[in-house]
Every structure is written in structure tokens, then in C-alpha cells.
Amino acid sequence: MKRLIVVVPAIANDFTHWEPLLSRLAKEPSLAGTHWMKWAHNSGRFSPVSPSVLAKRLKAAIDEQWIANGPFDEVVLVGHSLGGLLVRSAYLIACGTGDSSGRRADWADGVSRIILMAAVNRGADPKTRRDVRIAAALGSVFSPLRRLLIWQILRGSAFITNLRIEWIRYFAAAAGRTPVVVQVIGTEDSLVTRNDSVDIEQFTDSYVIDVPGATHEVLYRLDT
């Protein structure tokens, strides 16, 4: 089987600490011949960029991979934290819904799994962490700061609200023709809880897996 696995890191993160996990996965017999696409969005908390724009760029990058190295029999999307939001949004765009042209991408039907690593599916809650609380407070006072990425992924933001609504609408209408969705959460995560997966779990073939002792930042790291 010819497979494409797309991996998207968290905010202010690169692939430095991903290598132990990706190297181990690459050695799995069942993943032999897989084409790995590590997509770096190069965005930090205070980057003046919209997550919607990042999702469009991700979708376009997967389009490019499909043309250059595909077609693929199977596509798996993996995203950590912000990366989880981006792969969800890019998938909906590829399906012709949400912020898209309405045209379904060639690779959309090949997506078999969406693996979310502590994705902030309901947005970052200011009540949970000091850095998120400060960002929310500053943005409420200085409107120009609302263009920053951290503000746009807060709970209740336009991007988060629209993504949740579009996700529920699409998965409800396309019942039985959607990928398996798995949310992996560390038991010591201070930002994401089981309740953040409420939109995910209400559909068939959606699961949550708890990782004992893992925090939000080190969930994917085999060296910790």
C-alpha cells in the first residue's frame, strides 16, 4: 500500500524532538514504504498569522505532495496541539466545506485516520494556563494583538467556533464515509482535557487514548 503520513507540530515547535518517534514508526513493518511529510508552519504564539491561512497552506502542501509523489492509497493526518487544529481544518477544506472553494481535493477520500496529539479542539482556555491567560487579557485591551496566532486559537474565537460547527455538520452529514479520528491525551496535560474531545467523540469511529504521566508538551516524545 502506498501511504502518505502528514505530521504537523504544535505552536512554536519544530521537529527536533519528533525524531525518536518518527524513526521508530518508520521501522514498523506495517508502515514500510510510507512517504512521510513533515510540515513546519514556522509560527509562534505571537506570529501575526491566521490559523485559517495556515490550514490553507497545509492543504496546498498536501495537494503538492499528491501531485509530486502520489497518488496514494491512504493518507494519515497527524497533528500536535495547534497542529491538530490545522489538520482538522485542512481536511475540511479538502472536503470542499468550510473556508474552501467548494471543490473536493483528490486526496480527501484517501484520508483513513486523523491522529490528534492533545489537539486544543475547543480552543485554549485562559483558565488553564498563565501564558494563555496573559494573551487573552492583553488582547482584550489592545485590539491589534487580536491578529496574533495565540489570540485566534483561544476558546470562543471565530476560528475555533467555525471549526467546531463545520466539523459537526460535515461528520453528521457524511456518516459512515469519514476517517477514524483518535485524540491522544496525557494524563498530566494542563491545557487539554477529556472534555476537549466532545466534538470528536460523538461520532462513530472516534476514540480517546490516555497516556499515563504525559504532559501537553512531551506527549509525543519517546526520550522523556
C-alpha atoms as a PDB file:
ATOM      1  CA  MET A   1       0.000   0.000   0.000  1.00  0.00           C
ATOM      2  CA  LYS A   2       1.258   3.434  -0.919  1.00  0.00           C
ATOM      3  CA  ARG A   3       0.722   5.667   2.093  1.00  0.00           C
ATOM      4  CA  LEU A   4       1.256   9.344   2.932  1.00  0.00           C
ATOM      5  CA  ILE A   5       1.579  10.375   6.591  1.00  0.00           C
ATOM      6  CA  VAL A   6       1.446  14.111   7.262  1.00  0.00           C
ATOM      7  CA  VAL A   7       2.816  15.377  10.592  1.00  0.00           C
ATOM      8  CA  VAL A   8       2.209  18.916  11.887  1.00  0.00           C
ATOM      9  CA  PRO A   9       3.815  20.169  15.137  1.00  0.00           C
ATOM     10  CA  ALA A  10       2.499  22.437  17.863  1.00  0.00           C
ATOM     11  CA  ILE A  11       2.768  26.206  18.052  1.00  0.00           C
ATOM     12  CA  ALA A  12       6.356  27.479  18.402  1.00  0.00           C
ATOM     13  CA  ASN A  13       7.621  23.973  17.690  1.00  0.00           C
ATOM     14  CA  ASP A  14       9.682  22.196  15.077  1.00  0.00           C
ATOM     15  CA  PHE A  15      10.632  18.546  14.544  1.00  0.00           C
ATOM     16  CA  THR A  16      13.707  18.470  16.807  1.00  0.00           C
ATOM     17  CA  HIS A  17      12.062  16.226  19.406  1.00  0.00           C
ATOM     18  CA  TRP A  18       9.901  14.274  16.952  1.00  0.00           C
ATOM     19  CA  GLU A  19      12.747  12.234  15.506  1.00  0.00           C
ATOM     20  CA  PRO A  20      12.767   9.384  18.095  1.00  0.00           C
ATOM     21  CA  LEU A  21       9.045   8.725  17.496  1.00  0.00           C
ATOM     22  CA  LEU A  22       9.156   9.133  13.719  1.00  0.00           C
ATOM     23  CA  SER A  23      12.268   6.963  13.430  1.00  0.00           C
ATOM     24  CA  ARG A  24      10.614   4.224  15.451  1.00  0.00           C
ATOM     25  CA  LEU A  25       7.422   4.383  13.399  1.00  0.00           C
ATOM     26  CA  ALA A  26       9.403   4.261  10.168  1.00  0.00           C
ATOM     27  CA  LYS A  27      10.792   0.878  11.254  1.00  0.00           C
ATOM     28  CA  GLU A  28       7.344  -0.647  11.732  1.00  0.00           C
ATOM     29  CA  PRO A  29       6.767  -3.368   9.092  1.00  0.00           C
ATOM     30  CA  SER A  30       3.187  -2.200   8.579  1.00  0.00           C
ATOM     31  CA  LEU A  31       4.448   1.265   7.631  1.00  0.00           C
ATOM     32  CA  ALA A  32       7.062   0.105   5.128  1.00  0.00           C
ATOM     33  CA  GLY A  33       7.155   2.277   2.036  1.00  0.00           C
ATOM     34  CA  THR A  34       5.354   5.162   3.702  1.00  0.00           C
ATOM     35  CA  HIS A  35       6.051   8.656   2.390  1.00  0.00           C
ATOM     36  CA  TRP A  36       6.499  10.995   5.381  1.00  0.00           C
ATOM     37  CA  MET A  37       5.608  14.656   5.062  1.00  0.00           C
ATOM     38  CA  LYS A  38       6.790  16.827   7.955  1.00  0.00           C
ATOM     39  CA  TRP A  39       5.056  20.169   7.532  1.00  0.00           C
ATOM     40  CA  ALA A  40       6.530  23.035   9.562  1.00  0.00           C
ATOM     41  CA  HIS A  41       4.207  26.026   9.845  1.00  0.00           C
ATOM     42  CA  ASN A  42       7.034  28.096  11.408  1.00  0.00           C
ATOM     43  CA  SER A  43       4.596  30.015  13.609  1.00  0.00           C
ATOM     44  CA  GLY A  44       4.949  31.047  17.235  1.00  0.00           C
ATOM     45  CA  ARG A  45       2.454  32.293  19.780  1.00  0.00           C
ATOM     46  CA  PHE A  46       2.913  35.895  18.682  1.00  0.00           C
ATOM     47  CA  SER A  47       3.047  35.342  14.937  1.00  0.00           C
ATOM     48  CA  PRO A  48       0.625  37.705  13.123  1.00  0.00           C
ATOM     49  CA  VAL A  49      -0.952  34.933  11.091  1.00  0.00           C
ATOM     50  CA  SER A  50      -4.418  33.424  10.957  1.00  0.00           C
ATOM     51  CA  PRO A  51      -4.863  29.687  11.623  1.00  0.00           C
ATOM     52  CA  SER A  52      -7.221  29.669   8.643  1.00  0.00           C
ATOM     53  CA  VAL A  53      -4.349  30.809   6.433  1.00  0.00           C
ATOM     54  CA  LEU A  54      -2.073  28.125   7.903  1.00  0.00           C
ATOM     55  CA  ALA A  55      -4.728  25.461   7.232  1.00  0.00           C
ATOM     56  CA  LYS A  56      -4.996  26.589   3.597  1.00  0.00           C
ATOM     57  CA  ARG A  57      -1.220  26.408   3.244  1.00  0.00           C
ATOM     58  CA  LEU A  58      -1.225  22.905   4.719  1.00  0.00           C
ATOM     59  CA  LYS A  59      -3.949  21.763   2.336  1.00  0.00           C
ATOM     60  CA  ALA A  60      -1.997  23.221  -0.591  1.00  0.00           C
ATOM     61  CA  ALA A  61       1.181  21.448   0.577  1.00  0.00           C
ATOM     62  CA  ILE A  62      -0.649  18.111   0.665  1.00  0.00           C
ATOM     63  CA  ASP A  63      -2.029  18.851  -2.809  1.00  0.00           C
ATOM     64  CA  GLU A  64       1.560  19.325  -3.947  1.00  0.00           C
ATOM     65  CA  GLN A  65       2.679  16.031  -2.375  1.00  0.00           C
ATOM     66  CA  TRP A  66      -0.199  14.221  -4.049  1.00  0.00           C
ATOM     67  CA  ILE A  67       0.855  15.533  -7.446  1.00  0.00           C
ATOM     68  CA  ALA A  68       4.606  15.068  -6.939  1.00  0.00           C
ATOM     69  CA  ASN A  69       4.672  11.651  -5.228  1.00  0.00           C
ATOM     70  CA  GLY A  70       1.145  10.261  -5.416  1.00  0.00           C
ATOM     71  CA  PRO A  71      -1.483   9.266  -5.872  1.00  0.00           C
ATOM     72  CA  PHE A  72      -1.554   7.461  -2.523  1.00  0.00           C
ATOM     73  CA  ASP A  73      -3.800   4.624  -1.421  1.00  0.00           C
ATOM     74  CA  GLU A  74      -4.051   6.039   2.074  1.00  0.00           C
ATOM     75  CA  VAL A  75      -3.475   9.383   3.799  1.00  0.00           C
ATOM     76  CA  VAL A  76      -2.996   9.761   7.559  1.00  0.00           C
ATOM     77  CA  LEU A  77      -3.032  13.216   9.185  1.00  0.00           C
ATOM     78  CA  VAL A  78      -1.188  13.713  12.493  1.00  0.00           C
ATOM     79  CA  GLY A  79      -1.161  16.974  14.453  1.00  0.00           C
ATOM     80  CA  HIS A  80       0.020  18.020  17.901  1.00  0.00           C
ATOM     81  CA  SER A  81      -1.826  20.803  19.779  1.00  0.00           C
ATOM     82  CA  LEU A  82      -2.190  23.631  17.210  1.00  0.00           C
ATOM     83  CA  GLY A  83      -1.171  21.063  14.588  1.00  0.00           C
ATOM     84  CA  GLY A  84      -4.303  19.107  15.446  1.00  0.00           C
ATOM     85  CA  LEU A  85      -6.471  22.115  14.674  1.00  0.00           C
ATOM     86  CA  LEU A  86      -4.661  22.667  11.394  1.00  0.00           C
ATOM     87  CA  VAL A  87      -5.032  19.087  10.135  1.00  0.00           C
ATOM     88  CA  ARG A  88      -8.736  19.126  11.031  1.00  0.00           C
ATOM     89  CA  SER A  89      -9.270  22.425   9.226  1.00  0.00           C
ATOM     90  CA  ALA A  90      -7.187  21.366   6.211  1.00  0.00           C
ATOM     91  CA  TYR A  91      -9.204  18.151   5.951  1.00  0.00           C
ATOM     92  CA  LEU A  92     -12.499  20.056   5.903  1.00  0.00           C
ATOM     93  CA  ILE A  93     -11.141  22.424   3.266  1.00  0.00           C
ATOM     94  CA  ALA A  94     -10.051  19.410   1.199  1.00  0.00           C
ATOM     95  CA  CYS A  95     -13.581  18.010   1.519  1.00  0.00           C
ATOM     96  CA  GLY A  96     -14.959  21.164  -0.062  1.00  0.00           C
ATOM     97  CA  THR A  97     -16.529  22.564   3.080  1.00  0.00           C
ATOM     98  CA  GLY A  98     -15.663  25.410   5.383  1.00  0.00           C
ATOM     99  CA  ASP A  99     -13.219  28.023   4.095  1.00  0.00           C
ATOM    100  CA  SER A 100     -12.743  26.454   0.677  1.00  0.00           C
ATOM    101  CA  SER A 101     -13.538  26.857  -2.992  1.00  0.00           C
ATOM    102  CA  GLY A 102     -16.089  24.068  -2.740  1.00  0.00           C
ATOM    103  CA  ARG A 103     -14.002  21.688  -4.844  1.00  0.00           C
ATOM    104  CA  ARG A 104     -13.122  18.368  -3.219  1.00  0.00           C
ATOM    105  CA  ALA A 105      -9.391  17.605  -3.274  1.00  0.00           C
ATOM    106  CA  ASP A 106      -8.226  14.340  -4.835  1.00  0.00           C
ATOM    107  CA  TRP A 107      -6.668  13.164  -1.545  1.00  0.00           C
ATOM    108  CA  ALA A 108      -9.689  13.833   0.684  1.00  0.00           C
ATOM    109  CA  ASP A 109     -11.277  10.411   0.056  1.00  0.00           C
ATOM    110  CA  GLY A 110      -7.976   8.723   0.882  1.00  0.00           C
ATOM    111  CA  VAL A 111      -7.801  10.020   4.460  1.00  0.00           C
ATOM    112  CA  SER A 112      -8.237   6.936   6.638  1.00  0.00           C
ATOM    113  CA  ARG A 113      -7.170   8.341  10.018  1.00  0.00           C
ATOM    114  CA  ILE A 114      -6.751  11.666  11.740  1.00  0.00           C
ATOM    115  CA  ILE A 115      -4.481  11.346  14.782  1.00  0.00           C
ATOM    116  CA  LEU A 116      -4.725  14.276  17.180  1.00  0.00           C
ATOM    117  CA  MET A 117      -1.989  14.615  19.788  1.00  0.00           C
ATOM    118  CA  ALA A 118      -3.576  16.739  22.523  1.00  0.00           C
ATOM    119  CA  ALA A 119      -5.311  18.962  19.993  1.00  0.00           C
ATOM    120  CA  VAL A 120      -6.897  22.039  21.558  1.00  0.00           C
ATOM    121  CA  ASN A 121     -10.195  21.181  19.904  1.00  0.00           C
ATOM    122  CA  ARG A 122     -12.285  23.653  21.929  1.00  0.00           C
ATOM    123  CA  GLY A 123      -9.582  26.314  21.890  1.00  0.00           C
ATOM    124  CA  ALA A 124      -7.028  27.286  24.510  1.00  0.00           C
ATOM    125  CA  ASP A 125      -8.795  28.030  27.799  1.00  0.00           C
ATOM    126  CA  PRO A 126      -7.389  31.097  29.635  1.00  0.00           C
ATOM    127  CA  LYS A 127      -8.356  29.461  32.936  1.00  0.00           C
ATOM    128  CA  THR A 128      -5.895  26.622  32.488  1.00  0.00           C
ATOM    129  CA  ARG A 129      -2.508  28.287  31.991  1.00  0.00           C
ATOM    130  CA  ARG A 130      -0.823  31.577  32.793  1.00  0.00           C
ATOM    131  CA  ASP A 131       0.561  32.225  29.291  1.00  0.00           C
ATOM    132  CA  VAL A 132      -2.866  31.753  27.721  1.00  0.00           C
ATOM    133  CA  ARG A 133      -4.453  33.950  30.396  1.00  0.00           C
ATOM    134  CA  ILE A 134      -1.971  36.779  29.718  1.00  0.00           C
ATOM    135  CA  ALA A 135      -2.570  36.570  25.964  1.00  0.00           C
ATOM    136  CA  ALA A 136      -6.322  36.748  26.464  1.00  0.00           C
ATOM    137  CA  ALA A 137      -6.048  39.711  28.831  1.00  0.00           C
ATOM    138  CA  LEU A 138      -3.724  41.708  26.580  1.00  0.00           C
ATOM    139  CA  GLY A 139      -5.840  41.031  23.516  1.00  0.00           C
ATOM    140  CA  SER A 140      -8.976  42.250  25.264  1.00  0.00           C
ATOM    141  CA  VAL A 141      -7.271  45.585  25.970  1.00  0.00           C
ATOM    142  CA  PHE A 142      -5.188  46.104  22.820  1.00  0.00           C
ATOM    143  CA  SER A 143      -7.209  45.181  19.733  1.00  0.00           C
ATOM    144  CA  PRO A 144      -4.160  44.977  17.366  1.00  0.00           C
ATOM    145  CA  LEU A 145      -2.960  41.996  19.414  1.00  0.00           C
ATOM    146  CA  ARG A 146      -6.003  40.033  18.298  1.00  0.00           C
ATOM    147  CA  ARG A 147      -4.241  39.427  14.989  1.00  0.00           C
ATOM    148  CA  LEU A 148      -1.690  37.262  16.800  1.00  0.00           C
ATOM    149  CA  LEU A 149      -1.967  33.489  16.455  1.00  0.00           C
ATOM    150  CA  ILE A 150      -2.360  32.791  20.186  1.00  0.00           C
ATOM    151  CA  TRP A 151      -5.414  35.079  20.370  1.00  0.00           C
ATOM    152  CA  GLN A 152      -7.051  33.434  17.358  1.00  0.00           C
ATOM    153  CA  ILE A 153      -6.967  29.954  18.898  1.00  0.00           C
ATOM    154  CA  LEU A 154      -8.469  30.974  22.232  1.00  0.00           C
ATOM    155  CA  ARG A 155     -11.699  29.307  23.305  1.00  0.00           C
ATOM    156  CA  GLY A 156     -14.626  31.143  21.737  1.00  0.00           C
ATOM    157  CA  SER A 157     -12.575  32.721  18.927  1.00  0.00           C
ATOM    158  CA  ALA A 158     -14.064  32.915  15.446  1.00  0.00           C
ATOM    159  CA  PHE A 159     -11.687  30.263  14.078  1.00  0.00           C
ATOM    160  CA  ILE A 160     -12.382  27.759  16.864  1.00  0.00           C
ATOM    161  CA  THR A 161     -16.137  28.334  16.772  1.00  0.00           C
ATOM    162  CA  ASN A 162     -16.351  27.959  12.991  1.00  0.00           C
ATOM    163  CA  LEU A 163     -14.140  24.858  13.000  1.00  0.00           C
ATOM    164  CA  ARG A 164     -16.310  23.148  15.631  1.00  0.00           C
ATOM    165  CA  ILE A 165     -19.533  23.942  13.762  1.00  0.00           C
ATOM    166  CA  GLU A 166     -18.171  22.896  10.356  1.00  0.00           C
ATOM    167  CA  TRP A 167     -16.732  19.676  11.800  1.00  0.00           C
ATOM    168  CA  ILE A 168     -20.020  18.634  13.380  1.00  0.00           C
ATOM    169  CA  ARG A 169     -22.016  19.496  10.256  1.00  0.00           C
ATOM    170  CA  TYR A 170     -19.701  17.616   7.925  1.00  0.00           C
ATOM    171  CA  PHE A 171     -19.306  14.479  10.039  1.00  0.00           C
ATOM    172  CA  ALA A 172     -23.057  14.334  10.718  1.00  0.00           C
ATOM    173  CA  ALA A 173     -23.874  14.603   7.006  1.00  0.00           C
ATOM    174  CA  ALA A 174     -21.129  12.214   5.866  1.00  0.00           C
ATOM    175  CA  ALA A 175     -21.837   9.483   8.405  1.00  0.00           C
ATOM    176  CA  GLY A 176     -20.070   6.239   7.510  1.00  0.00           C
ATOM    177  CA  ARG A 177     -17.776   7.929   4.991  1.00  0.00           C
ATOM    178  CA  THR A 178     -15.421   9.693   7.372  1.00  0.00           C
ATOM    179  CA  PRO A 179     -11.963   8.744   8.712  1.00  0.00           C
ATOM    180  CA  VAL A 180     -11.198   7.252  12.101  1.00  0.00           C
ATOM    181  CA  VAL A 181     -10.350  10.100  14.498  1.00  0.00           C
ATOM    182  CA  VAL A 182      -8.197   9.494  17.569  1.00  0.00           C
ATOM    183  CA  GLN A 183      -7.348  12.072  20.245  1.00  0.00           C
ATOM    184  CA  VAL A 184      -4.296  11.128  22.341  1.00  0.00           C
ATOM    185  CA  ILE A 185      -4.060  12.978  25.683  1.00  0.00           C
ATOM    186  CA  GLY A 186      -1.531  12.919  28.506  1.00  0.00           C
ATOM    187  CA  THR A 187      -2.962  12.401  31.972  1.00  0.00           C
ATOM    188  CA  GLU A 188      -0.880  15.347  33.239  1.00  0.00           C
ATOM    189  CA  ASP A 189      -1.873  17.753  30.458  1.00  0.00           C
ATOM    190  CA  SER A 190      -2.567  21.211  31.918  1.00  0.00           C
ATOM    191  CA  LEU A 191      -4.084  22.624  28.722  1.00  0.00           C
ATOM    192  CA  VAL A 192      -6.240  19.873  27.194  1.00  0.00           C
ATOM    193  CA  THR A 193      -8.754  17.661  28.999  1.00  0.00           C
ATOM    194  CA  ARG A 194     -11.086  14.846  28.004  1.00  0.00           C
ATOM    195  CA  ASN A 195     -13.884  17.394  27.633  1.00  0.00           C
ATOM    196  CA  ASP A 196     -11.991  18.995  24.755  1.00  0.00           C
ATOM    197  CA  SER A 197     -12.841  15.931  22.670  1.00  0.00           C
ATOM    198  CA  VAL A 198     -16.612  16.274  22.973  1.00  0.00           C
ATOM    199  CA  ASP A 199     -16.972  17.235  19.285  1.00  0.00           C
ATOM    200  CA  ILE A 200     -14.834  14.267  18.276  1.00  0.00           C
ATOM    201  CA  GLU A 201     -16.315  11.533  20.447  1.00  0.00           C
ATOM    202  CA  GLN A 202     -19.926  11.986  19.402  1.00  0.00           C
ATOM    203  CA  PHE A 203     -19.262  10.324  16.051  1.00  0.00           C
ATOM    204  CA  THR A 204     -18.671   6.685  15.158  1.00  0.00           C
ATOM    205  CA  ASP A 205     -15.039   5.580  14.831  1.00  0.00           C
ATOM    206  CA  SER A 206     -13.776   8.304  17.142  1.00  0.00           C
ATOM    207  CA  TYR A 207     -11.657   7.470  20.176  1.00  0.00           C
ATOM    208  CA  VAL A 208      -9.648   8.999  23.019  1.00  0.00           C
ATOM    209  CA  ILE A 209      -6.460   7.381  24.334  1.00  0.00           C
ATOM    210  CA  ASP A 210      -4.867   8.436  27.641  1.00  0.00           C
ATOM    211  CA  VAL A 211      -1.081   8.371  28.032  1.00  0.00           C
ATOM    212  CA  PRO A 212      -0.092   7.978  31.711  1.00  0.00           C
ATOM    213  CA  GLY A 213       2.237  10.661  33.078  1.00  0.00           C
ATOM    214  CA  ALA A 214       2.485  12.670  29.851  1.00  0.00           C
ATOM    215  CA  THR A 215       2.169  16.458  29.838  1.00  0.00           C
ATOM    216  CA  HIS A 216       0.981  18.566  26.927  1.00  0.00           C
ATOM    217  CA  GLU A 217       4.479  19.402  25.730  1.00  0.00           C
ATOM    218  CA  VAL A 218       6.088  15.946  25.894  1.00  0.00           C
ATOM    219  CA  LEU A 219       3.186  13.746  24.801  1.00  0.00           C
ATOM    220  CA  TYR A 220       4.912  12.613  21.593  1.00  0.00           C
ATOM    221  CA  ARG A 221       8.465  12.439  22.974  1.00  0.00           C
ATOM    222  CA  LEU A 222       9.931   8.977  23.484  1.00  0.00           C
ATOM    223  CA  ASP A 223      13.029  10.468  25.137  1.00  0.00           C
ATOM    224  CA  THR A 224      11.146  11.644  28.253  1.00  0.00           C
END
